[in-house]
């Protein structure tokens, strides 16, 4: 669940960043993909840390 939430948050953050920089739809898609992938990796790391800490 953390991974999915972080991926969606990253995609939205990427879209907002591209829009702020004056990008077109292709720029927004590229930023969304890049930020989404990066935040997914962060979400995976957080999930692993939480799983190891709780167990």
N, C-alpha and C. Protein backbone atom coordinates (compact mmCIF):
# COMPACT_ATOMS: atom_id res chain seq x y z
N UNK A 1 0.82 -1.19 0.00
CA UNK A 1 0.00 0.00 0.00
C UNK A 1 0.87 1.26 0.00
N UNK A 2 1.96 1.20 0.74
CA UNK A 2 2.86 2.35 0.78
C UNK A 2 3.46 2.59 -0.60
N UNK A 3 3.77 1.51 -1.30
CA UNK A 3 4.39 1.63 -2.63
C UNK A 3 3.43 2.29 -3.61
N UNK A 4 2.19 1.86 -3.59
CA UNK A 4 1.20 2.43 -4.50
C UNK A 4 0.95 3.91 -4.19
N UNK A 5 0.83 4.23 -2.92
CA UNK A 5 0.60 5.62 -2.54
C UNK A 5 1.78 6.50 -2.92
N UNK A 6 2.99 6.01 -2.73
CA UNK A 6 4.16 6.81 -3.08
C UNK A 6 4.29 6.97 -4.59
N UNK A 7 3.90 5.96 -5.36
CA UNK A 7 3.95 6.06 -6.82
C UNK A 7 2.96 7.11 -7.33
N UNK A 8 1.76 7.10 -6.78
CA UNK A 8 0.74 8.08 -7.20
C UNK A 8 1.18 9.48 -6.78
N UNK A 9 1.71 9.61 -5.56
CA UNK A 9 2.19 10.91 -5.08
C UNK A 9 3.32 11.42 -5.97
N UNK A 10 4.25 10.55 -6.35
CA UNK A 10 5.34 10.94 -7.22
C UNK A 10 4.88 11.38 -8.59
N UNK A 11 3.90 10.67 -9.14
CA UNK A 11 3.37 11.05 -10.45
C UNK A 11 2.69 12.42 -10.40
N UNK A 12 1.90 12.64 -9.36
CA UNK A 12 1.25 13.95 -9.22
C UNK A 12 2.28 15.05 -9.01
N UNK A 13 3.30 14.77 -8.23
CA UNK A 13 4.36 15.75 -8.01
C UNK A 13 5.10 16.06 -9.31
N UNK A 14 5.31 15.04 -10.14
CA UNK A 14 5.95 15.24 -11.42
C UNK A 14 5.11 16.09 -12.37
N UNK A 15 3.82 15.84 -12.39
CA UNK A 15 2.93 16.63 -13.24
C UNK A 15 2.93 18.08 -12.80
N UNK A 16 2.84 18.30 -11.50
CA UNK A 16 2.83 19.69 -11.00
C UNK A 16 4.15 20.40 -11.28
N UNK A 17 5.25 19.67 -11.17
CA UNK A 17 6.57 20.27 -11.46
C UNK A 17 6.69 20.65 -12.92
N UNK A 18 6.25 19.76 -13.81
CA UNK A 18 6.33 20.05 -15.24
C UNK A 18 5.41 21.22 -15.60
N UNK A 19 4.23 21.25 -15.00
CA UNK A 19 3.29 22.34 -15.27
C UNK A 19 3.86 23.68 -14.79
N UNK A 20 4.51 23.66 -13.63
CA UNK A 20 5.11 24.88 -13.08
C UNK A 20 6.23 25.39 -13.98
N UNK A 21 6.96 24.46 -14.61
CA UNK A 21 8.06 24.85 -15.50
C UNK A 21 7.58 25.17 -16.91
N UNK A 22 6.27 25.14 -17.15
CA UNK A 22 5.75 25.49 -18.46
C UNK A 22 5.81 24.37 -19.48
N UNK A 23 5.78 23.13 -19.03
CA UNK A 23 5.88 22.01 -19.96
C UNK A 23 4.55 21.67 -20.61
N UNK A 24 4.65 20.98 -21.75
CA UNK A 24 3.45 20.53 -22.45
C UNK A 24 3.06 19.14 -21.92
N UNK A 25 2.10 18.50 -22.56
CA UNK A 25 1.59 17.21 -22.07
C UNK A 25 2.65 16.13 -22.08
N UNK A 26 3.52 16.15 -23.09
CA UNK A 26 4.58 15.15 -23.14
C UNK A 26 5.58 15.35 -22.01
N UNK A 27 5.90 16.59 -21.70
CA UNK A 27 6.78 16.87 -20.57
C UNK A 27 6.16 16.41 -19.26
N UNK A 28 4.86 16.67 -19.12
CA UNK A 28 4.16 16.24 -17.89
C UNK A 28 4.18 14.72 -17.76
N UNK A 29 4.00 14.02 -18.87
CA UNK A 29 4.03 12.55 -18.83
C UNK A 29 5.42 12.05 -18.45
N UNK A 30 6.45 12.67 -19.00
CA UNK A 30 7.81 12.24 -18.70
C UNK A 30 8.17 12.52 -17.24
N UNK A 31 7.82 13.69 -16.76
CA UNK A 31 8.07 14.02 -15.36
C UNK A 31 7.29 13.09 -14.44
N UNK A 32 6.03 12.81 -14.80
CA UNK A 32 5.21 11.92 -13.98
C UNK A 32 5.84 10.53 -13.91
N UNK A 33 6.33 10.04 -15.03
CA UNK A 33 6.96 8.72 -15.04
C UNK A 33 8.24 8.71 -14.21
N UNK A 34 9.07 9.71 -14.39
CA UNK A 34 10.33 9.77 -13.65
C UNK A 34 10.13 9.90 -12.15
N UNK A 35 9.28 10.84 -11.76
CA UNK A 35 9.01 11.05 -10.34
C UNK A 35 8.29 9.84 -9.76
N UNK A 36 7.38 9.24 -10.54
CA UNK A 36 6.66 8.06 -10.06
C UNK A 36 7.58 6.89 -9.80
N UNK A 37 8.51 6.66 -10.70
CA UNK A 37 9.48 5.57 -10.51
C UNK A 37 10.37 5.85 -9.30
N UNK A 38 10.84 7.08 -9.19
CA UNK A 38 11.71 7.42 -8.06
C UNK A 38 10.99 7.26 -6.73
N UNK A 39 9.76 7.72 -6.67
CA UNK A 39 9.01 7.61 -5.41
C UNK A 39 8.60 6.17 -5.13
N UNK A 40 8.44 5.35 -6.16
CA UNK A 40 8.16 3.93 -5.96
C UNK A 40 9.33 3.25 -5.29
N UNK A 41 10.53 3.58 -5.72
CA UNK A 41 11.73 3.01 -5.09
C UNK A 41 11.80 3.43 -3.63
N UNK A 42 11.50 4.68 -3.35
CA UNK A 42 11.49 5.16 -1.96
C UNK A 42 10.43 4.39 -1.17
N UNK A 43 9.27 4.17 -1.75
CA UNK A 43 8.21 3.42 -1.09
C UNK A 43 8.60 1.99 -0.80
N UNK A 44 9.32 1.36 -1.71
CA UNK A 44 9.79 -0.01 -1.49
C UNK A 44 10.76 -0.05 -0.32
N UNK A 45 11.67 0.90 -0.26
CA UNK A 45 12.64 0.95 0.84
C UNK A 45 11.92 1.16 2.17
N UNK A 46 10.95 2.06 2.20
CA UNK A 46 10.19 2.30 3.43
C UNK A 46 9.44 1.04 3.84
N UNK A 47 8.85 0.34 2.88
CA UNK A 47 8.12 -0.90 3.17
C UNK A 47 9.05 -1.95 3.77
N UNK A 48 10.24 -2.08 3.21
CA UNK A 48 11.21 -3.05 3.73
C UNK A 48 11.63 -2.69 5.15
N UNK A 49 11.90 -1.42 5.39
CA UNK A 49 12.31 -0.99 6.73
C UNK A 49 11.20 -1.24 7.75
N UNK A 50 9.97 -0.92 7.37
CA UNK A 50 8.84 -1.13 8.29
C UNK A 50 8.65 -2.64 8.55
N UNK A 51 8.75 -3.44 7.52
CA UNK A 51 8.55 -4.87 7.68
C UNK A 51 9.62 -5.49 8.58
N UNK A 52 10.83 -5.04 8.44
CA UNK A 52 11.91 -5.59 9.28
C UNK A 52 11.85 -5.08 10.71
N UNK A 53 11.35 -3.87 10.88
CA UNK A 53 11.27 -3.29 12.21
C UNK A 53 10.14 -3.92 13.02
N UNK A 54 9.00 -4.15 12.39
CA UNK A 54 7.83 -4.67 13.09
C UNK A 54 8.01 -6.15 13.42
N UNK A 55 8.57 -6.92 12.52
CA UNK A 55 8.68 -8.37 12.73
C UNK A 55 9.72 -8.75 13.74
